[in-house]
Amino acid sequence: MKRKYRNPPIEEALVEFRFVPGQEWDLTIPGKLHQHDAIKAQYPGKPRTQKVFLEAELQAGPGHPPNLAVHEGVGRVQLVDERGNHLISLGVCLT
């Protein structure tokens, strides 16, 4: 008998696909994928972007105010369902 929870636990699945190294990232790929009928049916929400930070540098010293520099990488695009509970995240692999 399967247990039924009053407040079921959060479930999450993560799948990562990596493609042939050396291929240049094309910023039109997320839009092309979102136009595919099966993807658009499951993820009809407005695509959103997610910033990716590559590096943060803090410089501080006696007699000098602290200086913070943040270097951004290429962002990721997220395709979301109507409720915002499920998403596909697309972007450049940094490793």
Protein backbone atom coordinates (compact mmCIF):
# COMPACT_ATOMS: atom_id res chain seq x y z
CA MET A 1 0.00 0.00 0.00
CA LYS A 2 1.41 3.36 -1.03
CA ARG A 3 1.67 5.94 1.75
CA LYS A 4 -0.26 9.16 1.14
CA TYR A 5 1.25 12.23 2.78
CA ARG A 6 -0.77 15.18 3.97
CA ASN A 7 2.05 17.46 2.81
CA PRO A 8 4.04 15.42 0.29
CA PRO A 9 7.81 15.96 0.11
CA ILE A 10 9.30 18.12 -2.62
CA GLU A 11 10.45 16.11 -5.61
CA GLU A 12 13.12 17.28 -7.98
CA ALA A 13 14.85 15.75 -10.96
CA LEU A 14 17.86 17.12 -12.76
CA VAL A 15 19.01 15.88 -16.15
CA GLU A 16 22.01 17.33 -17.91
CA PHE A 17 22.82 16.80 -21.58
CA ARG A 18 26.27 17.66 -22.89
CA PHE A 19 26.98 17.86 -26.57
CA VAL A 20 30.08 17.54 -28.71
CA PRO A 21 32.85 19.78 -27.36
CA GLY A 22 34.07 22.53 -29.63
CA GLN A 23 30.72 23.50 -31.06
CA GLU A 24 30.12 27.20 -30.66
CA TRP A 25 27.11 28.24 -28.54
CA ASP A 26 24.39 29.84 -30.63
CA LEU A 27 22.13 32.21 -28.69
CA THR A 28 19.20 31.25 -30.95
CA ILE A 29 19.17 27.63 -29.70
CA PRO A 30 16.79 28.24 -26.73
CA GLY A 31 14.30 30.03 -29.01
CA LYS A 32 14.46 27.26 -31.60
CA LEU A 33 13.87 24.62 -28.92
CA HIS A 34 10.96 26.58 -27.43
CA GLN A 35 9.24 26.66 -30.84
CA HIS A 36 9.20 22.84 -31.02
CA ASP A 37 5.55 21.76 -30.64
CA ALA A 38 6.16 19.21 -27.85
CA ILE A 39 8.28 21.62 -25.80
CA LYS A 40 5.95 24.57 -26.30
CA ALA A 41 2.97 22.43 -25.20
CA GLN A 42 4.69 21.43 -21.92
CA TYR A 43 6.48 24.75 -21.26
CA PRO A 44 4.20 27.49 -22.60
CA GLY A 45 5.31 30.14 -20.08
CA LYS A 46 7.35 33.16 -21.06
CA PRO A 47 11.04 32.21 -21.26
CA ARG A 48 13.17 33.91 -18.63
CA THR A 49 16.88 34.52 -18.25
CA GLN A 50 19.15 33.54 -15.40
CA LYS A 51 22.42 35.41 -14.89
CA VAL A 52 25.57 33.36 -14.51
CA PHE A 53 28.46 34.84 -12.54
CA LEU A 54 31.92 33.57 -13.39
CA GLU A 55 33.95 35.48 -10.85
CA ALA A 56 33.70 37.96 -8.01
CA GLU A 57 36.75 39.86 -6.79
CA LEU A 58 36.99 41.93 -3.61
CA GLN A 59 39.91 44.29 -3.13
CA ALA A 60 40.43 45.97 0.20
CA GLY A 61 43.39 47.51 1.92
CA PRO A 62 44.34 49.99 4.60
CA GLY A 63 43.32 53.51 3.64
CA HIS A 64 41.35 52.40 0.56
CA PRO A 65 37.60 51.77 0.33
CA PRO A 66 36.65 48.20 -0.60
CA ASN A 67 36.18 47.57 -4.30
CA LEU A 68 33.98 44.73 -5.59
CA ALA A 69 34.16 43.58 -9.21
CA VAL A 70 31.75 40.98 -10.60
CA HIS A 71 32.31 39.31 -13.97
CA GLU A 72 29.24 37.85 -15.66
CA GLY A 73 29.23 34.90 -18.01
CA VAL A 74 26.76 34.06 -20.74
CA GLY A 75 23.31 33.76 -19.14
CA ARG A 76 21.03 30.75 -19.22
CA VAL A 77 17.51 30.68 -20.65
CA GLN A 78 14.77 28.93 -18.70
CA LEU A 79 11.64 27.56 -20.37
CA VAL A 80 8.87 27.26 -17.77
CA ASP A 81 5.47 25.62 -17.45
CA GLU A 82 2.29 27.60 -16.70
CA ARG A 83 2.64 27.30 -12.91
CA GLY A 84 6.40 27.85 -12.85
CA ASN A 85 7.02 24.50 -11.14
CA HIS A 86 8.88 22.79 -13.98
CA LEU A 87 11.60 24.20 -16.17
CA ILE A 88 14.22 23.47 -18.77
CA SER A 89 17.42 25.46 -18.32
CA LEU A 90 19.63 25.97 -21.38
CA GLY A 91 23.08 27.50 -21.56
CA VAL A 92 26.76 27.10 -22.17
CA CYS A 93 28.54 24.40 -20.16
CA LEU A 94 31.20 26.17 -18.09
CA THR A 95 33.24 23.12 -17.17
